Amino acid sequence: MTTAGSPVAVVTGASSGIGAATARALAAAGHHVVLTARRKDRIEALAAELAGAGHQATALALDVTDRAAVDAFAASLDRCDVLVNNAGGALGADPVASADPEDWRRMYEVNVIGTLHLTQALLPALTASGDGTVVVLSSTAGLATYEGGGGYVAAKHGAHVLAETLRLEIVGSPVRVVEIAPGMVRTEEFATTRFRGDTEKAAAVYAGVAAPLTAEDVADTICWAVTRPSHVNIDLLVVRPRAQASNTKVHRESR
């Protein structure tokens, strides 16, 4: 893939939710966005939408857990200025005593190893840009625990530590490491995927909450952090809806 002029922003998990919203925000801010996800049809439709609006966008299908595919993807880019590690997600809400280890493994592979793969593969290009930015989309789950969230919490703690450690290790290089940790965000797929298609359980997560965050709210936060002056690094930004004070303290209006 050849790009010219505009800074290039790679967004993983761009087929829906926060990833798609972030791609739209960064494209509007003047980036050539490279959309990656496993669902090729989704990212191609988004790339066409962005092109129709006069923006630059390229769709490249990618499974972030496949290291060979990630390396080939990185080699196909002639530059990279921004990497948004958004691919991730939760599976199940079972207690530690009865959780399926395979769910934990899958969450760790995507949320942590996937982030590691992309960051390692693109760090040389980000450094060569002279003004690179790595964004790790973690979660408030990466900062505090809650019952029924052990596997997801463990994975997001891993993502949080990855970002924190990378920042220490590359200080002095022309690359910023930004971590965005959202709280309750209502998107079309997150809770439904977590509860394996059970829409009633998914809806219950947000029941009575007047205004959970939207994908666009988080995308706006990511875009703001990315577009700060080069010497400004947003190390960690926690963003929650006003109704949420912590992972376990949420105001719900009576029905």
C-alpha atoms as a PDB file:
ATOM      1  CA  MET A   1       0.000   0.000   0.000  1.00  0.00           C
ATOM      2  CA  THR A   2       1.375   3.406  -0.978  1.00  0.00           C
ATOM      3  CA  THR A   3       0.349   6.596   0.796  1.00  0.00           C
ATOM      4  CA  ALA A   4       1.380  10.156   0.171  1.00  0.00           C
ATOM      5  CA  GLY A   5       1.117  13.333   2.153  1.00  0.00           C
ATOM      6  CA  SER A   6      -1.347  12.604   4.918  1.00  0.00           C
ATOM      7  CA  PRO A   7      -0.268  10.949   8.179  1.00  0.00           C
ATOM      8  CA  VAL A   8      -1.250   7.280   8.280  1.00  0.00           C
ATOM      9  CA  ALA A   9      -3.297   5.917  11.183  1.00  0.00           C
ATOM     10  CA  VAL A  10      -3.805   2.169  11.566  1.00  0.00           C
ATOM     11  CA  VAL A  11      -6.949   1.255  13.503  1.00  0.00           C
ATOM     12  CA  THR A  12      -7.462  -2.355  14.571  1.00  0.00           C
ATOM     13  CA  GLY A  13     -10.923  -3.758  15.226  1.00  0.00           C
ATOM     14  CA  ALA A  14     -12.328  -1.136  12.856  1.00  0.00           C
ATOM     15  CA  SER A  15     -15.334  -3.139  11.702  1.00  0.00           C
ATOM     16  CA  SER A  16     -17.723  -1.731  14.323  1.00  0.00           C
ATOM     17  CA  GLY A  17     -18.101   0.190  17.565  1.00  0.00           C
ATOM     18  CA  ILE A  18     -15.219   2.220  18.908  1.00  0.00           C
ATOM     19  CA  GLY A  19     -12.864   1.150  16.136  1.00  0.00           C
ATOM     20  CA  ALA A  20     -15.179   2.308  13.338  1.00  0.00           C
ATOM     21  CA  ALA A  21     -15.963   5.549  15.167  1.00  0.00           C
ATOM     22  CA  THR A  22     -12.248   6.195  15.721  1.00  0.00           C
ATOM     23  CA  ALA A  23     -11.515   5.639  12.038  1.00  0.00           C
ATOM     24  CA  ARG A  24     -14.172   8.212  11.141  1.00  0.00           C
ATOM     25  CA  ALA A  25     -12.785  10.723  13.649  1.00  0.00           C
ATOM     26  CA  LEU A  26      -9.166  10.349  12.553  1.00  0.00           C
ATOM     27  CA  ALA A  27     -10.128  10.513   8.868  1.00  0.00           C
ATOM     28  CA  ALA A  28     -12.016  13.745   9.527  1.00  0.00           C
ATOM     29  CA  ALA A  29      -8.897  15.053  11.306  1.00  0.00           C
ATOM     30  CA  GLY A  30      -6.858  14.528   8.133  1.00  0.00           C
ATOM     31  CA  HIS A  31      -5.381  11.063   8.520  1.00  0.00           C
ATOM     32  CA  HIS A  32      -5.239   8.376   5.886  1.00  0.00           C
ATOM     33  CA  VAL A  33      -6.850   5.618   7.929  1.00  0.00           C
ATOM     34  CA  VAL A  34      -5.939   1.981   7.433  1.00  0.00           C
ATOM     35  CA  LEU A  35      -8.854  -0.120   8.651  1.00  0.00           C
ATOM     36  CA  THR A  36      -8.128  -3.607   9.929  1.00  0.00           C
ATOM     37  CA  ALA A  37     -10.449  -6.321  11.229  1.00  0.00           C
ATOM     38  CA  ARG A  38     -11.323  -9.904  10.435  1.00  0.00           C
ATOM     39  CA  ARG A  39     -14.637  -8.959   8.812  1.00  0.00           C
ATOM     40  CA  LYS A  40     -13.494  -7.755   5.420  1.00  0.00           C
ATOM     41  CA  ASP A  41     -16.951  -6.742   4.214  1.00  0.00           C
ATOM     42  CA  ARG A  42     -17.440  -4.387   7.173  1.00  0.00           C
ATOM     43  CA  ILE A  43     -14.162  -2.523   6.784  1.00  0.00           C
ATOM     44  CA  GLU A  44     -14.526  -2.301   3.003  1.00  0.00           C
ATOM     45  CA  ALA A  45     -17.960  -0.723   3.464  1.00  0.00           C
ATOM     46  CA  LEU A  46     -16.487   1.762   5.957  1.00  0.00           C
ATOM     47  CA  ALA A  47     -13.597   2.583   3.626  1.00  0.00           C
ATOM     48  CA  ALA A  48     -16.105   3.279   0.845  1.00  0.00           C
ATOM     49  CA  GLU A  49     -18.135   5.484   3.191  1.00  0.00           C
ATOM     50  CA  LEU A  50     -15.062   7.496   4.141  1.00  0.00           C
ATOM     51  CA  ALA A  51     -13.903   7.808   0.535  1.00  0.00           C
ATOM     52  CA  GLY A  52     -17.376   9.029  -0.397  1.00  0.00           C
ATOM     53  CA  ALA A  53     -17.004  11.762   2.194  1.00  0.00           C
ATOM     54  CA  GLY A  54     -13.708  12.864   0.662  1.00  0.00           C
ATOM     55  CA  HIS A  55     -11.416  11.119   3.135  1.00  0.00           C
ATOM     56  CA  GLN A  56      -8.543   8.690   2.574  1.00  0.00           C
ATOM     57  CA  ALA A  57      -9.131   5.135   3.745  1.00  0.00           C
ATOM     58  CA  THR A  58      -7.799   1.662   3.000  1.00  0.00           C
ATOM     59  CA  ALA A  59      -9.331  -1.607   4.210  1.00  0.00           C
ATOM     60  CA  LEU A  60      -7.050  -4.577   4.891  1.00  0.00           C
ATOM     61  CA  ALA A  61      -8.450  -7.703   6.534  1.00  0.00           C
ATOM     62  CA  LEU A  62      -6.346  -8.858   9.476  1.00  0.00           C
ATOM     63  CA  ASP A  63      -6.469 -11.203  12.458  1.00  0.00           C
ATOM     64  CA  VAL A  64      -4.271  -9.535  15.085  1.00  0.00           C
ATOM     65  CA  THR A  65      -3.569 -12.892  16.757  1.00  0.00           C
ATOM     66  CA  ASP A  66      -1.873 -14.211  13.574  1.00  0.00           C
ATOM     67  CA  ARG A  67       1.723 -12.996  13.833  1.00  0.00           C
ATOM     68  CA  ALA A  68       2.679 -13.964  10.280  1.00  0.00           C
ATOM     69  CA  ALA A  69      -0.302 -12.035   8.927  1.00  0.00           C
ATOM     70  CA  VAL A  70       0.552  -9.043  11.124  1.00  0.00           C
ATOM     71  CA  ASP A  71       4.149  -8.999   9.874  1.00  0.00           C
ATOM     72  CA  ALA A  72       2.964  -9.165   6.253  1.00  0.00           C
ATOM     73  CA  PHE A  73       0.505  -6.352   6.938  1.00  0.00           C
ATOM     74  CA  ALA A  74       3.234  -4.177   8.461  1.00  0.00           C
ATOM     75  CA  ALA A  75       5.528  -4.839   5.504  1.00  0.00           C
ATOM     76  CA  SER A  76       2.788  -3.677   3.125  1.00  0.00           C
ATOM     77  CA  LEU A  77       2.719  -0.166   4.609  1.00  0.00           C
ATOM     78  CA  ASP A  78       5.127   2.489   3.408  1.00  0.00           C
ATOM     79  CA  ARG A  79       4.568   4.586   6.552  1.00  0.00           C
ATOM     80  CA  CYS A  80       2.733   4.588   9.867  1.00  0.00           C
ATOM     81  CA  ASP A  81       2.273   7.611  12.108  1.00  0.00           C
ATOM     82  CA  VAL A  82      -0.446   6.401  14.480  1.00  0.00           C
ATOM     83  CA  LEU A  83      -1.409   2.947  15.708  1.00  0.00           C
ATOM     84  CA  VAL A  84      -4.700   2.545  17.541  1.00  0.00           C
ATOM     85  CA  ASN A  85      -4.777  -0.856  19.244  1.00  0.00           C
ATOM     86  CA  ASN A  86      -8.537  -1.199  19.573  1.00  0.00           C
ATOM     87  CA  ALA A  87      -9.141  -4.878  18.739  1.00  0.00           C
ATOM     88  CA  GLY A  88     -10.335  -6.676  21.848  1.00  0.00           C
ATOM     89  CA  GLY A  89     -13.467  -7.651  23.714  1.00  0.00           C
ATOM     90  CA  ALA A  90     -14.941  -9.676  26.529  1.00  0.00           C
ATOM     91  CA  LEU A  91     -16.277 -13.234  26.676  1.00  0.00           C
ATOM     92  CA  GLY A  92     -18.495 -14.411  29.512  1.00  0.00           C
ATOM     93  CA  ALA A  93     -19.121 -13.146  33.030  1.00  0.00           C
ATOM     94  CA  ASP A  94     -18.515 -16.298  35.018  1.00  0.00           C
ATOM     95  CA  PRO A  95     -16.783 -16.376  38.400  1.00  0.00           C
ATOM     96  CA  VAL A  96     -13.188 -17.501  38.595  1.00  0.00           C
ATOM     97  CA  ALA A  97     -14.234 -20.842  40.112  1.00  0.00           C
ATOM     98  CA  SER A  98     -16.254 -21.897  37.063  1.00  0.00           C
ATOM     99  CA  ALA A  99     -14.994 -19.766  34.154  1.00  0.00           C
ATOM    100  CA  ASP A 100     -13.965 -21.450  30.921  1.00  0.00           C
ATOM    101  CA  PRO A 101     -10.171 -21.225  30.543  1.00  0.00           C
ATOM    102  CA  GLU A 102     -10.638 -21.083  26.783  1.00  0.00           C
ATOM    103  CA  ASP A 103     -12.546 -17.795  27.153  1.00  0.00           C
ATOM    104  CA  TRP A 104      -9.686 -16.400  29.217  1.00  0.00           C
ATOM    105  CA  ARG A 105      -7.171 -17.586  26.623  1.00  0.00           C
ATOM    106  CA  ARG A 106      -9.088 -15.999  23.738  1.00  0.00           C
ATOM    107  CA  MET A 107      -9.447 -12.686  25.570  1.00  0.00           C
ATOM    108  CA  TYR A 108      -5.742 -12.598  26.392  1.00  0.00           C
ATOM    109  CA  GLU A 109      -4.781 -13.477  22.828  1.00  0.00           C
ATOM    110  CA  VAL A 110      -6.764 -10.599  21.326  1.00  0.00           C
ATOM    111  CA  ASN A 111      -6.494  -7.910  24.006  1.00  0.00           C
ATOM    112  CA  VAL A 112      -2.845  -8.430  24.925  1.00  0.00           C
ATOM    113  CA  ILE A 113      -1.000 -10.573  22.368  1.00  0.00           C
ATOM    114  CA  GLY A 114      -2.785  -8.865  19.469  1.00  0.00           C
ATOM    115  CA  THR A 115      -1.718  -5.483  20.818  1.00  0.00           C
ATOM    116  CA  LEU A 116       1.813  -6.789  21.265  1.00  0.00           C
ATOM    117  CA  HIS A 117       1.926  -8.109  17.697  1.00  0.00           C
ATOM    118  CA  LEU A 118       0.850  -4.838  16.079  1.00  0.00           C
ATOM    119  CA  THR A 119       2.985  -2.678  18.334  1.00  0.00           C
ATOM    120  CA  GLN A 120       6.132  -4.721  17.717  1.00  0.00           C
ATOM    121  CA  ALA A 121       5.522  -4.925  13.973  1.00  0.00           C
ATOM    122  CA  LEU A 122       4.827  -1.221  13.490  1.00  0.00           C
ATOM    123  CA  LEU A 123       7.169   0.337  16.056  1.00  0.00           C
ATOM    124  CA  PRO A 124      10.023   0.719  13.524  1.00  0.00           C
ATOM    125  CA  ALA A 125       7.747   2.651  11.145  1.00  0.00           C
ATOM    126  CA  LEU A 126       6.298   4.715  13.990  1.00  0.00           C
ATOM    127  CA  THR A 127       9.826   5.614  15.081  1.00  0.00           C
ATOM    128  CA  ALA A 128      10.913   6.386  11.517  1.00  0.00           C
ATOM    129  CA  SER A 129       7.986   8.795  11.169  1.00  0.00           C
ATOM    130  CA  GLY A 130       9.725  11.086  13.652  1.00  0.00           C
ATOM    131  CA  ASP A 131       6.440  11.722  15.447  1.00  0.00           C
ATOM    132  CA  GLY A 132       4.652   8.435  16.122  1.00  0.00           C
ATOM    133  CA  THR A 133       1.814   7.628  18.491  1.00  0.00           C
ATOM    134  CA  VAL A 134       0.780   4.249  19.901  1.00  0.00           C
ATOM    135  CA  VAL A 135      -2.689   4.170  21.424  1.00  0.00           C
ATOM    136  CA  VAL A 136      -3.693   1.259  23.636  1.00  0.00           C
ATOM    137  CA  LEU A 137      -7.414   1.056  24.242  1.00  0.00           C
ATOM    138  CA  SER A 138      -7.630  -0.636  27.599  1.00  0.00           C
ATOM    139  CA  SER A 139     -10.561  -0.274  29.999  1.00  0.00           C
ATOM    140  CA  THR A 140     -11.372   0.721  33.542  1.00  0.00           C
ATOM    141  CA  ALA A 141     -11.343  -3.077  33.935  1.00  0.00           C
ATOM    142  CA  GLY A 142      -7.572  -2.759  33.552  1.00  0.00           C
ATOM    143  CA  LEU A 143      -7.412  -0.601  36.658  1.00  0.00           C
ATOM    144  CA  ALA A 144      -9.868  -2.234  39.074  1.00  0.00           C
ATOM    145  CA  THR A 145     -11.569  -5.605  39.500  1.00  0.00           C
ATOM    146  CA  TYR A 146     -15.220  -6.589  39.667  1.00  0.00           C
ATOM    147  CA  GLU A 147     -17.046  -9.855  40.284  1.00  0.00           C
ATOM    148  CA  GLY A 148     -17.705 -11.929  37.195  1.00  0.00           C
ATOM    149  CA  GLY A 149     -15.074 -10.093  35.199  1.00  0.00           C
ATOM    150  CA  GLY A 150     -11.930 -12.042  36.085  1.00  0.00           C
ATOM    151  CA  GLY A 151     -10.862 -13.039  32.589  1.00  0.00           C
ATOM    152  CA  TYR A 152     -11.579  -9.683  30.973  1.00  0.00           C
ATOM    153  CA  VAL A 153     -10.072  -7.806  33.926  1.00  0.00           C
ATOM    154  CA  ALA A 154      -6.917  -9.922  33.706  1.00  0.00           C
ATOM    155  CA  ALA A 155      -6.593  -9.257  29.973  1.00  0.00           C
ATOM    156  CA  LYS A 156      -7.135  -5.522  30.310  1.00  0.00           C
ATOM    157  CA  HIS A 157      -4.673  -5.353  33.208  1.00  0.00           C
ATOM    158  CA  GLY A 158      -2.229  -6.952  30.771  1.00  0.00           C
ATOM    159  CA  ALA A 159      -2.948  -4.285  28.154  1.00  0.00           C
ATOM    160  CA  HIS A 160      -2.512  -1.556  30.767  1.00  0.00           C
ATOM    161  CA  VAL A 161       0.856  -2.936  31.881  1.00  0.00           C
ATOM    162  CA  LEU A 162       1.979  -3.340  28.263  1.00  0.00           C
ATOM    163  CA  ALA A 163       1.359   0.362  27.620  1.00  0.00           C
ATOM    164  CA  GLU A 164       2.980   1.459  30.872  1.00  0.00           C
ATOM    165  CA  THR A 165       6.072  -0.669  30.305  1.00  0.00           C
ATOM    166  CA  LEU A 166       6.466   0.340  26.657  1.00  0.00           C
ATOM    167  CA  ARG A 167       6.383   4.006  27.659  1.00  0.00           C
ATOM    168  CA  LEU A 168       9.255   3.422  30.072  1.00  0.00           C
ATOM    169  CA  GLU A 169      11.282   1.438  27.571  1.00  0.00           C
ATOM    170  CA  ILE A 170      11.077   3.834  24.614  1.00  0.00           C
ATOM    171  CA  VAL A 171      11.268   7.168  26.435  1.00  0.00           C
ATOM    172  CA  GLY A 172      13.532   9.472  24.431  1.00  0.00           C
ATOM    173  CA  SER A 173      12.320   8.085  21.103  1.00  0.00           C
ATOM    174  CA  PRO A 174       9.923  10.134  18.932  1.00  0.00           C
ATOM    175  CA  VAL A 175       6.965   7.908  19.835  1.00  0.00           C
ATOM    176  CA  ARG A 176       4.232   8.666  22.376  1.00  0.00           C
ATOM    177  CA  VAL A 177       2.359   5.899  24.202  1.00  0.00           C
ATOM    178  CA  VAL A 178      -1.230   6.810  25.047  1.00  0.00           C
ATOM    179  CA  GLU A 179      -3.651   4.675  27.036  1.00  0.00           C
ATOM    180  CA  ILE A 180      -7.379   5.345  26.893  1.00  0.00           C
ATOM    181  CA  ALA A 181      -9.425   3.486  29.526  1.00  0.00           C
ATOM    182  CA  PRO A 182     -13.189   3.727  28.946  1.00  0.00           C
ATOM    183  CA  GLY A 183     -15.795   2.744  31.489  1.00  0.00           C
ATOM    184  CA  MET A 184     -19.355   1.858  30.492  1.00  0.00           C
ATOM    185  CA  VAL A 185     -19.731   2.209  26.723  1.00  0.00           C
ATOM    186  CA  ARG A 186     -22.853   1.091  24.912  1.00  0.00           C
ATOM    187  CA  THR A 187     -22.041  -0.198  21.439  1.00  0.00           C
ATOM    188  CA  GLU A 188     -23.951  -2.483  19.114  1.00  0.00           C
ATOM    189  CA  GLU A 189     -21.853  -5.575  19.830  1.00  0.00           C
ATOM    190  CA  PHE A 190     -19.737  -5.507  23.010  1.00  0.00           C
ATOM    191  CA  ALA A 191     -22.220  -6.793  25.601  1.00  0.00           C
ATOM    192  CA  THR A 192     -24.049  -9.008  23.099  1.00  0.00           C
ATOM    193  CA  THR A 193     -20.778 -10.726  22.221  1.00  0.00           C
ATOM    194  CA  ARG A 194     -19.868 -11.058  25.884  1.00  0.00           C
ATOM    195  CA  PHE A 195     -23.148 -12.835  26.612  1.00  0.00           C
ATOM    196  CA  ARG A 196     -22.982 -14.973  23.456  1.00  0.00           C
ATOM    197  CA  GLY A 197     -25.918 -13.356  21.702  1.00  0.00           C
ATOM    198  CA  ASP A 198     -28.220 -13.139  24.740  1.00  0.00           C
ATOM    199  CA  THR A 199     -29.768  -9.731  24.082  1.00  0.00           C
ATOM    200  CA  GLU A 200     -31.654  -9.665  27.407  1.00  0.00           C
ATOM    201  CA  LYS A 201     -28.461 -10.063  29.419  1.00  0.00           C
ATOM    202  CA  ALA A 202     -26.737  -7.517  27.217  1.00  0.00           C
ATOM    203  CA  ALA A 203     -29.520  -4.974  27.710  1.00  0.00           C
ATOM    204  CA  ALA A 204     -29.447  -5.502  31.486  1.00  0.00           C
ATOM    205  CA  VAL A 205     -25.891  -4.127  31.613  1.00  0.00           C
ATOM    206  CA  TYR A 206     -27.208  -0.700  30.676  1.00  0.00           C
ATOM    207  CA  ALA A 207     -30.656  -0.897  32.292  1.00  0.00           C
ATOM    208  CA  GLY A 208     -31.601   2.360  33.995  1.00  0.00           C
ATOM    209  CA  VAL A 209     -28.392   4.138  33.001  1.00  0.00           C
ATOM    210  CA  ALA A 210     -29.527   7.413  31.449  1.00  0.00           C
ATOM    211  CA  ALA A 211     -26.565   7.959  29.173  1.00  0.00           C
ATOM    212  CA  PRO A 212     -23.774   5.402  28.860  1.00  0.00           C
ATOM    213  CA  LEU A 213     -20.814   6.491  26.762  1.00  0.00           C
ATOM    214  CA  THR A 214     -21.114   5.985  23.010  1.00  0.00           C
ATOM    215  CA  ALA A 215     -18.468   4.766  20.586  1.00  0.00           C
ATOM    216  CA  GLU A 216     -18.279   8.333  19.295  1.00  0.00           C
ATOM    217  CA  ASP A 217     -17.519   9.657  22.793  1.00  0.00           C
ATOM    218  CA  VAL A 218     -14.504   7.371  23.084  1.00  0.00           C
ATOM    219  CA  ALA A 219     -13.400   8.045  19.503  1.00  0.00           C
ATOM    220  CA  ASP A 220     -13.487  11.773  20.222  1.00  0.00           C
ATOM    221  CA  THR A 221     -11.241  11.185  23.235  1.00  0.00           C
ATOM    222  CA  ILE A 222      -8.789   9.093  21.192  1.00  0.00           C
ATOM    223  CA  CYS A 223      -8.666  11.658  18.398  1.00  0.00           C
ATOM    224  CA  TRP A 224      -8.097  14.463  20.906  1.00  0.00           C
ATOM    225  CA  ALA A 225      -5.176  12.611  22.493  1.00  0.00           C
ATOM    226  CA  VAL A 226      -3.615  11.786  19.114  1.00  0.00           C
ATOM    227  CA  THR A 227      -3.853  15.371  17.863  1.00  0.00           C
ATOM    228  CA  ARG A 228      -2.190  17.038  20.869  1.00  0.00           C
ATOM    229  CA  PRO A 229       1.129  18.798  20.127  1.00  0.00           C
ATOM    230  CA  SER A 230       3.995  16.346  19.699  1.00  0.00           C
ATOM    231  CA  HIS A 231       5.545  17.119  23.084  1.00  0.00           C
ATOM    232  CA  VAL A 232       2.276  16.375  24.926  1.00  0.00           C
ATOM    233  CA  ASN A 233       1.692  12.748  25.947  1.00  0.00           C
ATOM    234  CA  ILE A 234      -1.632  11.694  27.430  1.00  0.00           C
ATOM    235  CA  ASP A 235      -0.244   8.825  29.495  1.00  0.00           C
ATOM    236  CA  LEU A 236      -3.573   7.529  30.809  1.00  0.00           C
ATOM    237  CA  LEU A 237      -7.034   8.954  30.317  1.00  0.00           C
ATOM    238  CA  VAL A 238     -10.012   7.370  32.103  1.00  0.00           C
ATOM    239  CA  VAL A 239     -13.372   8.262  30.584  1.00  0.00           C
ATOM    240  CA  ARG A 240     -16.690   7.233  32.120  1.00  0.00           C
ATOM    241  CA  PRO A 241     -20.298   8.344  31.814  1.00  0.00           C
ATOM    242  CA  ARG A 242     -21.433  10.731  34.540  1.00  0.00           C
ATOM    243  CA  ALA A 243     -23.672   7.977  35.938  1.00  0.00           C
ATOM    244  CA  GLN A 244     -20.703   5.692  36.648  1.00  0.00           C
ATOM    245  CA  ALA A 245     -18.428   6.416  39.600  1.00  0.00           C
ATOM    246  CA  SER A 246     -16.522   3.106  39.455  1.00  0.00           C
ATOM    247  CA  ASN A 247     -16.764  -0.349  37.917  1.00  0.00           C
ATOM    248  CA  THR A 248     -19.216  -1.331  40.655  1.00  0.00           C
ATOM    249  CA  LYS A 249     -20.944   1.983  41.416  1.00  0.00           C
ATOM    250  CA  VAL A 250     -23.447   2.987  38.738  1.00  0.00           C
ATOM    251  CA  HIS A 251     -26.515   5.176  39.158  1.00  0.00           C
ATOM    252  CA  ARG A 252     -29.567   3.515  37.655  1.00  0.00           C
ATOM    253  CA  GLU A 253     -32.842   5.361  37.419  1.00  0.00           C
ATOM    254  CA  SER A 254     -35.931   3.556  38.659  1.00  0.00           C
ATOM    255  CA  ARG A 255     -38.317   2.367  36.013  1.00  0.00           C
END
